[in-house]
Protein backbone atom coordinates (compact mmCIF):
# COMPACT_ATOMS: atom_id res chain seq x y z
CA UNK A 1 0.00 0.00 0.00
CA UNK A 2 1.42 3.35 -1.00
CA UNK A 3 1.55 6.46 1.10
CA UNK A 4 -1.10 8.18 -1.01
CA UNK A 5 -3.52 5.28 -0.66
CA UNK A 6 -3.13 5.37 3.10
CA UNK A 7 -3.72 9.11 3.10
CA UNK A 8 -6.85 8.76 0.94
CA UNK A 9 -8.22 6.01 3.17
CA UNK A 10 -7.51 8.08 6.26
CA UNK A 11 -9.30 11.08 4.75
CA UNK A 12 -12.22 8.87 3.75
CA UNK A 13 -12.48 7.49 7.29
CA UNK A 14 -12.39 11.02 8.75
CA UNK A 15 -15.08 12.17 6.34
CA UNK A 16 -17.30 9.20 7.23
CA UNK A 17 -16.81 9.83 10.95
CA UNK A 18 -17.74 13.49 10.54
CA UNK A 19 -20.87 12.54 8.61
CA UNK A 20 -21.81 10.08 11.35
CA UNK A 21 -21.33 12.76 14.00
CA UNK A 22 -23.50 15.17 12.05
CA UNK A 23 -26.18 12.53 11.61
CA UNK A 24 -26.13 11.63 15.29
CA UNK A 25 -26.74 15.25 16.26
CA UNK A 26 -29.74 15.53 13.97
CA UNK A 27 -33.10 14.81 15.57
CA UNK A 28 -34.53 12.82 12.70
CA UNK A 29 -32.68 9.58 12.00
CA UNK A 30 -31.64 9.02 8.41
CA UNK A 31 -31.09 5.73 6.70
CA UNK A 32 -27.52 4.95 5.76
CA UNK A 33 -26.93 2.46 3.01
CA UNK A 34 -24.10 0.12 3.90
CA UNK A 35 -21.91 -1.40 1.24
CA UNK A 36 -20.37 -4.85 1.48
CA UNK A 37 -16.70 -4.99 2.33
CA UNK A 38 -15.65 -6.63 -0.92
CA UNK A 39 -17.09 -3.80 -3.06
CA UNK A 40 -14.66 -0.98 -3.65
CA UNK A 41 -15.96 2.55 -3.54
CA UNK A 42 -14.79 4.62 -6.47
CA UNK A 43 -13.13 7.78 -5.28
CA UNK A 44 -13.80 11.07 -6.94
CA UNK A 45 -10.93 12.95 -8.49
CA UNK A 46 -10.92 15.87 -6.11
CA UNK A 47 -8.82 18.93 -6.65
CA UNK A 48 -6.51 19.21 -3.70
CA UNK A 49 -5.52 22.76 -3.06
CA UNK A 50 -2.30 23.53 -1.32
CA UNK A 51 -3.17 24.73 2.14
CA UNK A 52 -1.11 27.35 3.84
CA UNK A 53 -0.92 28.21 7.48
CA UNK A 54 -1.54 31.89 6.78
CA UNK A 55 -4.46 33.15 8.89
CA UNK A 56 -7.38 34.79 7.13
CA UNK A 57 -6.98 38.08 8.99
CA UNK A 58 -3.47 38.45 7.56
CA UNK A 59 -4.75 37.97 4.03
CA UNK A 60 -7.58 40.45 4.51
CA UNK A 61 -5.18 42.87 6.21
CA UNK A 62 -2.91 42.77 3.17
CA UNK A 63 -5.83 43.90 1.01
CA UNK A 64 -6.40 46.95 3.17
CA UNK A 65 -2.71 47.82 3.36
CA UNK A 66 -2.63 47.66 -0.44
CA UNK A 67 -5.60 50.04 -0.65
CA UNK A 68 -4.03 52.48 1.82
CA UNK A 69 -0.81 52.50 -0.21
CA UNK A 70 -2.85 53.25 -3.35
CA UNK A 71 -4.59 56.09 -1.50
CA UNK A 72 -1.24 57.42 -0.39
CA UNK A 73 -0.17 57.56 -4.01
CA UNK A 74 -3.48 59.13 -5.06
CA UNK A 75 -3.31 61.81 -2.40
CA UNK A 76 0.07 62.95 -3.60
CA UNK A 77 2.53 61.42 -1.20
CA UNK A 78 5.37 62.34 -3.54
CA UNK A 79 4.45 66.04 -3.65
CA UNK A 80 6.04 66.91 -0.28
CA UNK A 81 9.14 64.93 -1.23
CA UNK A 82 9.60 66.89 -4.45
CA UNK A 83 8.73 70.36 -3.17
CA UNK A 84 10.10 70.04 0.36
CA UNK A 85 6.86 71.24 1.98
CA UNK A 86 5.03 69.74 4.97
CA UNK A 87 3.36 66.36 5.10
CA UNK A 88 0.10 67.64 6.59
CA UNK A 89 -1.90 67.87 3.36
CA UNK A 90 -0.85 64.40 2.20
CA UNK A 91 -1.71 62.79 5.52
CA UNK A 92 -5.08 64.56 5.53
CA UNK A 93 -5.74 63.24 2.02
CA UNK A 94 -4.89 59.69 3.06
CA UNK A 95 -7.20 60.01 6.06
CA UNK A 96 -10.10 61.37 4.03
CA UNK A 97 -9.78 58.67 1.40
CA UNK A 98 -9.59 56.04 4.14
CA UNK A 99 -12.80 57.30 5.75
CA UNK A 100 -14.52 57.05 2.36
CA UNK A 101 -13.06 53.57 1.87
CA UNK A 102 -14.43 52.39 5.21
CA UNK A 103 -17.82 53.78 4.27
CA UNK A 104 -17.69 51.84 1.00
CA UNK A 105 -16.69 48.67 2.84
CA UNK A 106 -19.63 49.08 5.21
CA UNK A 107 -21.96 49.54 2.25
CA UNK A 108 -20.65 46.31 0.73
CA UNK A 109 -21.09 44.47 4.02
CA UNK A 110 -24.65 45.79 4.25
CA UNK A 111 -25.41 44.18 0.91
CA UNK A 112 -24.02 40.82 1.97
CA UNK A 113 -25.40 40.82 5.53
CA UNK A 114 -29.04 40.16 6.29
CA UNK A 115 -29.02 40.76 10.03
CA UNK A 116 -27.62 44.29 10.30
CA UNK A 117 -28.37 45.60 6.83
CA UNK A 118 -29.92 48.91 7.90
CA UNK A 119 -27.28 49.80 10.48
CA UNK A 120 -24.38 49.01 8.16
CA UNK A 121 -25.95 50.93 5.29
CA UNK A 122 -26.57 54.03 7.41
CA UNK A 123 -23.04 53.94 8.81
CA UNK A 124 -21.57 53.46 5.33
CA UNK A 125 -23.44 56.39 3.80
CA UNK A 126 -22.65 58.45 6.90
CA UNK A 127 -18.90 57.87 6.56
CA UNK A 128 -19.00 58.69 2.86
CA UNK A 129 -20.90 61.91 3.63
CA UNK A 130 -18.39 62.82 6.35
CA UNK A 131 -15.58 62.22 3.87
CA UNK A 132 -17.26 64.49 1.33
CA UNK A 133 -17.79 67.25 3.89
CA UNK A 134 -14.15 67.08 5.00
CA UNK A 135 -12.99 67.28 1.38
CA UNK A 136 -15.03 70.46 0.82
CA UNK A 137 -13.69 71.93 4.08
CA UNK A 138 -10.14 71.10 3.04
CA UNK A 139 -10.37 72.85 -0.32
CA UNK A 140 -11.80 75.99 1.28
CA UNK A 141 -15.41 75.98 0.09
CA UNK A 142 -17.47 74.50 2.93
CA UNK A 143 -20.86 72.95 2.26
CA UNK A 144 -22.32 74.44 5.45
CA UNK A 145 -21.74 78.10 6.33
C-alpha atoms as a PDB file:
ATOM      1  CA  UNK A   1       0.000   0.000   0.000  1.00  0.00           C
ATOM      2  CA  UNK A   2       1.421   3.354  -1.000  1.00  0.00           C
ATOM      3  CA  UNK A   3       1.551   6.465   1.101  1.00  0.00           C
ATOM      4  CA  UNK A   4      -1.100   8.180  -1.007  1.00  0.00           C
ATOM      5  CA  UNK A   5      -3.521   5.275  -0.663  1.00  0.00           C
ATOM      6  CA  UNK A   6      -3.130   5.370   3.096  1.00  0.00           C
ATOM      7  CA  UNK A   7      -3.723   9.111   3.105  1.00  0.00           C
ATOM      8  CA  UNK A   8      -6.846   8.760   0.944  1.00  0.00           C
ATOM      9  CA  UNK A   9      -8.217   6.013   3.174  1.00  0.00           C
ATOM     10  CA  UNK A  10      -7.510   8.083   6.264  1.00  0.00           C
ATOM     11  CA  UNK A  11      -9.302  11.081   4.754  1.00  0.00           C
ATOM     12  CA  UNK A  12     -12.217   8.866   3.752  1.00  0.00           C
ATOM     13  CA  UNK A  13     -12.484   7.494   7.291  1.00  0.00           C
ATOM     14  CA  UNK A  14     -12.395  11.019   8.748  1.00  0.00           C
ATOM     15  CA  UNK A  15     -15.081  12.165   6.338  1.00  0.00           C
ATOM     16  CA  UNK A  16     -17.304   9.197   7.227  1.00  0.00           C
ATOM     17  CA  UNK A  17     -16.808   9.833  10.955  1.00  0.00           C
ATOM     18  CA  UNK A  18     -17.738  13.492  10.539  1.00  0.00           C
ATOM     19  CA  UNK A  19     -20.872  12.542   8.615  1.00  0.00           C
ATOM     20  CA  UNK A  20     -21.813  10.078  11.348  1.00  0.00           C
ATOM     21  CA  UNK A  21     -21.327  12.764  14.005  1.00  0.00           C
ATOM     22  CA  UNK A  22     -23.496  15.168  12.052  1.00  0.00           C
ATOM     23  CA  UNK A  23     -26.177  12.530  11.608  1.00  0.00           C
ATOM     24  CA  UNK A  24     -26.132  11.627  15.292  1.00  0.00           C
ATOM     25  CA  UNK A  25     -26.735  15.249  16.257  1.00  0.00           C
ATOM     26  CA  UNK A  26     -29.739  15.532  13.967  1.00  0.00           C
ATOM     27  CA  UNK A  27     -33.104  14.809  15.569  1.00  0.00           C
ATOM     28  CA  UNK A  28     -34.532  12.818  12.696  1.00  0.00           C
ATOM     29  CA  UNK A  29     -32.680   9.584  12.002  1.00  0.00           C
ATOM     30  CA  UNK A  30     -31.643   9.022   8.405  1.00  0.00           C
ATOM     31  CA  UNK A  31     -31.092   5.731   6.698  1.00  0.00           C
ATOM     32  CA  UNK A  32     -27.523   4.949   5.761  1.00  0.00           C
ATOM     33  CA  UNK A  33     -26.927   2.458   3.006  1.00  0.00           C
ATOM     34  CA  UNK A  34     -24.101   0.119   3.905  1.00  0.00           C
ATOM     35  CA  UNK A  35     -21.908  -1.402   1.242  1.00  0.00           C
ATOM     36  CA  UNK A  36     -20.371  -4.847   1.477  1.00  0.00           C
ATOM     37  CA  UNK A  37     -16.699  -4.989   2.333  1.00  0.00           C
ATOM     38  CA  UNK A  38     -15.654  -6.630  -0.918  1.00  0.00           C
ATOM     39  CA  UNK A  39     -17.086  -3.799  -3.055  1.00  0.00           C
ATOM     40  CA  UNK A  40     -14.660  -0.977  -3.653  1.00  0.00           C
ATOM     41  CA  UNK A  41     -15.958   2.548  -3.544  1.00  0.00           C
ATOM     42  CA  UNK A  42     -14.794   4.625  -6.470  1.00  0.00           C
ATOM     43  CA  UNK A  43     -13.131   7.783  -5.278  1.00  0.00           C
ATOM     44  CA  UNK A  44     -13.795  11.067  -6.937  1.00  0.00           C
ATOM     45  CA  UNK A  45     -10.931  12.946  -8.490  1.00  0.00           C
ATOM     46  CA  UNK A  46     -10.920  15.872  -6.108  1.00  0.00           C
ATOM     47  CA  UNK A  47      -8.823  18.929  -6.645  1.00  0.00           C
ATOM     48  CA  UNK A  48      -6.515  19.212  -3.699  1.00  0.00           C
ATOM     49  CA  UNK A  49      -5.518  22.758  -3.059  1.00  0.00           C
ATOM     50  CA  UNK A  50      -2.300  23.531  -1.317  1.00  0.00           C
ATOM     51  CA  UNK A  51      -3.166  24.733   2.137  1.00  0.00           C
ATOM     52  CA  UNK A  52      -1.113  27.355   3.840  1.00  0.00           C
ATOM     53  CA  UNK A  53      -0.924  28.214   7.482  1.00  0.00           C
ATOM     54  CA  UNK A  54      -1.542  31.895   6.783  1.00  0.00           C
ATOM     55  CA  UNK A  55      -4.460  33.147   8.892  1.00  0.00           C
ATOM     56  CA  UNK A  56      -7.382  34.793   7.127  1.00  0.00           C
ATOM     57  CA  UNK A  57      -6.976  38.076   8.991  1.00  0.00           C
ATOM     58  CA  UNK A  58      -3.466  38.453   7.562  1.00  0.00           C
ATOM     59  CA  UNK A  59      -4.754  37.967   4.032  1.00  0.00           C
ATOM     60  CA  UNK A  60      -7.582  40.455   4.512  1.00  0.00           C
ATOM     61  CA  UNK A  61      -5.183  42.870   6.207  1.00  0.00           C
ATOM     62  CA  UNK A  62      -2.907  42.772   3.172  1.00  0.00           C
ATOM     63  CA  UNK A  63      -5.827  43.898   1.011  1.00  0.00           C
ATOM     64  CA  UNK A  64      -6.402  46.948   3.167  1.00  0.00           C
ATOM     65  CA  UNK A  65      -2.712  47.816   3.357  1.00  0.00           C
ATOM     66  CA  UNK A  66      -2.633  47.656  -0.443  1.00  0.00           C
ATOM     67  CA  UNK A  67      -5.596  50.043  -0.646  1.00  0.00           C
ATOM     68  CA  UNK A  68      -4.028  52.481   1.822  1.00  0.00           C
ATOM     69  CA  UNK A  69      -0.814  52.499  -0.209  1.00  0.00           C
ATOM     70  CA  UNK A  70      -2.849  53.253  -3.345  1.00  0.00           C
ATOM     71  CA  UNK A  71      -4.589  56.091  -1.500  1.00  0.00           C
ATOM     72  CA  UNK A  72      -1.238  57.421  -0.388  1.00  0.00           C
ATOM     73  CA  UNK A  73      -0.169  57.564  -4.009  1.00  0.00           C
ATOM     74  CA  UNK A  74      -3.480  59.131  -5.062  1.00  0.00           C
ATOM     75  CA  UNK A  75      -3.308  61.811  -2.398  1.00  0.00           C
ATOM     76  CA  UNK A  76       0.075  62.950  -3.602  1.00  0.00           C
ATOM     77  CA  UNK A  77       2.531  61.416  -1.199  1.00  0.00           C
ATOM     78  CA  UNK A  78       5.370  62.341  -3.536  1.00  0.00           C
ATOM     79  CA  UNK A  79       4.451  66.039  -3.648  1.00  0.00           C
ATOM     80  CA  UNK A  80       6.036  66.905  -0.282  1.00  0.00           C
ATOM     81  CA  UNK A  81       9.138  64.934  -1.228  1.00  0.00           C
ATOM     82  CA  UNK A  82       9.599  66.887  -4.451  1.00  0.00           C
ATOM     83  CA  UNK A  83       8.733  70.356  -3.167  1.00  0.00           C
ATOM     84  CA  UNK A  84      10.098  70.042   0.357  1.00  0.00           C
ATOM     85  CA  UNK A  85       6.856  71.241   1.979  1.00  0.00           C
ATOM     86  CA  UNK A  86       5.034  69.741   4.975  1.00  0.00           C
ATOM     87  CA  UNK A  87       3.360  66.356   5.104  1.00  0.00           C
ATOM     88  CA  UNK A  88       0.101  67.641   6.588  1.00  0.00           C
ATOM     89  CA  UNK A  89      -1.903  67.868   3.364  1.00  0.00           C
ATOM     90  CA  UNK A  90      -0.849  64.402   2.196  1.00  0.00           C
ATOM     91  CA  UNK A  91      -1.711  62.793   5.525  1.00  0.00           C
ATOM     92  CA  UNK A  92      -5.076  64.562   5.530  1.00  0.00           C
ATOM     93  CA  UNK A  93      -5.740  63.242   2.016  1.00  0.00           C
ATOM     94  CA  UNK A  94      -4.893  59.686   3.060  1.00  0.00           C
ATOM     95  CA  UNK A  95      -7.205  60.010   6.062  1.00  0.00           C
ATOM     96  CA  UNK A  96     -10.095  61.371   4.031  1.00  0.00           C
ATOM     97  CA  UNK A  97      -9.785  58.665   1.403  1.00  0.00           C
ATOM     98  CA  UNK A  98      -9.586  56.036   4.141  1.00  0.00           C
ATOM     99  CA  UNK A  99     -12.803  57.298   5.750  1.00  0.00           C
ATOM    100  CA  UNK A 100     -14.524  57.055   2.355  1.00  0.00           C
ATOM    101  CA  UNK A 101     -13.064  53.568   1.873  1.00  0.00           C
ATOM    102  CA  UNK A 102     -14.427  52.386   5.214  1.00  0.00           C
ATOM    103  CA  UNK A 103     -17.817  53.777   4.267  1.00  0.00           C
ATOM    104  CA  UNK A 104     -17.691  51.838   1.003  1.00  0.00           C
ATOM    105  CA  UNK A 105     -16.689  48.670   2.844  1.00  0.00           C
ATOM    106  CA  UNK A 106     -19.627  49.076   5.214  1.00  0.00           C
ATOM    107  CA  UNK A 107     -21.962  49.538   2.249  1.00  0.00           C
ATOM    108  CA  UNK A 108     -20.650  46.312   0.725  1.00  0.00           C
ATOM    109  CA  UNK A 109     -21.087  44.475   4.019  1.00  0.00           C
ATOM    110  CA  UNK A 110     -24.653  45.786   4.246  1.00  0.00           C
ATOM    111  CA  UNK A 111     -25.413  44.183   0.907  1.00  0.00           C
ATOM    112  CA  UNK A 112     -24.024  40.816   1.974  1.00  0.00           C
ATOM    113  CA  UNK A 113     -25.399  40.825   5.534  1.00  0.00           C
ATOM    114  CA  UNK A 114     -29.040  40.161   6.286  1.00  0.00           C
ATOM    115  CA  UNK A 115     -29.024  40.755  10.031  1.00  0.00           C
ATOM    116  CA  UNK A 116     -27.617  44.291  10.305  1.00  0.00           C
ATOM    117  CA  UNK A 117     -28.373  45.602   6.834  1.00  0.00           C
ATOM    118  CA  UNK A 118     -29.916  48.909   7.898  1.00  0.00           C
ATOM    119  CA  UNK A 119     -27.282  49.799  10.478  1.00  0.00           C
ATOM    120  CA  UNK A 120     -24.376  49.014   8.161  1.00  0.00           C
ATOM    121  CA  UNK A 121     -25.952  50.931   5.286  1.00  0.00           C
ATOM    122  CA  UNK A 122     -26.573  54.029   7.414  1.00  0.00           C
ATOM    123  CA  UNK A 123     -23.038  53.941   8.809  1.00  0.00           C
ATOM    124  CA  UNK A 124     -21.569  53.461   5.326  1.00  0.00           C
ATOM    125  CA  UNK A 125     -23.442  56.386   3.804  1.00  0.00           C
ATOM    126  CA  UNK A 126     -22.648  58.448   6.900  1.00  0.00           C
ATOM    127  CA  UNK A 127     -18.903  57.867   6.560  1.00  0.00           C
ATOM    128  CA  UNK A 128     -19.001  58.685   2.858  1.00  0.00           C
ATOM    129  CA  UNK A 129     -20.901  61.910   3.634  1.00  0.00           C
ATOM    130  CA  UNK A 130     -18.386  62.825   6.350  1.00  0.00           C
ATOM    131  CA  UNK A 131     -15.576  62.224   3.867  1.00  0.00           C
ATOM    132  CA  UNK A 132     -17.258  64.490   1.326  1.00  0.00           C
ATOM    133  CA  UNK A 133     -17.789  67.252   3.893  1.00  0.00           C
ATOM    134  CA  UNK A 134     -14.153  67.077   5.000  1.00  0.00           C
ATOM    135  CA  UNK A 135     -12.991  67.280   1.376  1.00  0.00           C
ATOM    136  CA  UNK A 136     -15.026  70.462   0.822  1.00  0.00           C
ATOM    137  CA  UNK A 137     -13.694  71.926   4.085  1.00  0.00           C
ATOM    138  CA  UNK A 138     -10.140  71.096   3.041  1.00  0.00           C
ATOM    139  CA  UNK A 139     -10.370  72.852  -0.323  1.00  0.00           C
ATOM    140  CA  UNK A 140     -11.799  75.988   1.275  1.00  0.00           C
ATOM    141  CA  UNK A 141     -15.414  75.984   0.094  1.00  0.00           C
ATOM    142  CA  UNK A 142     -17.466  74.496   2.929  1.00  0.00           C
ATOM    143  CA  UNK A 143     -20.862  72.954   2.259  1.00  0.00           C
ATOM    144  CA  UNK A 144     -22.316  74.439   5.454  1.00  0.00           C
ATOM    145  CA  UNK A 145     -21.743  78.099   6.326  1.00  0.00           C
END
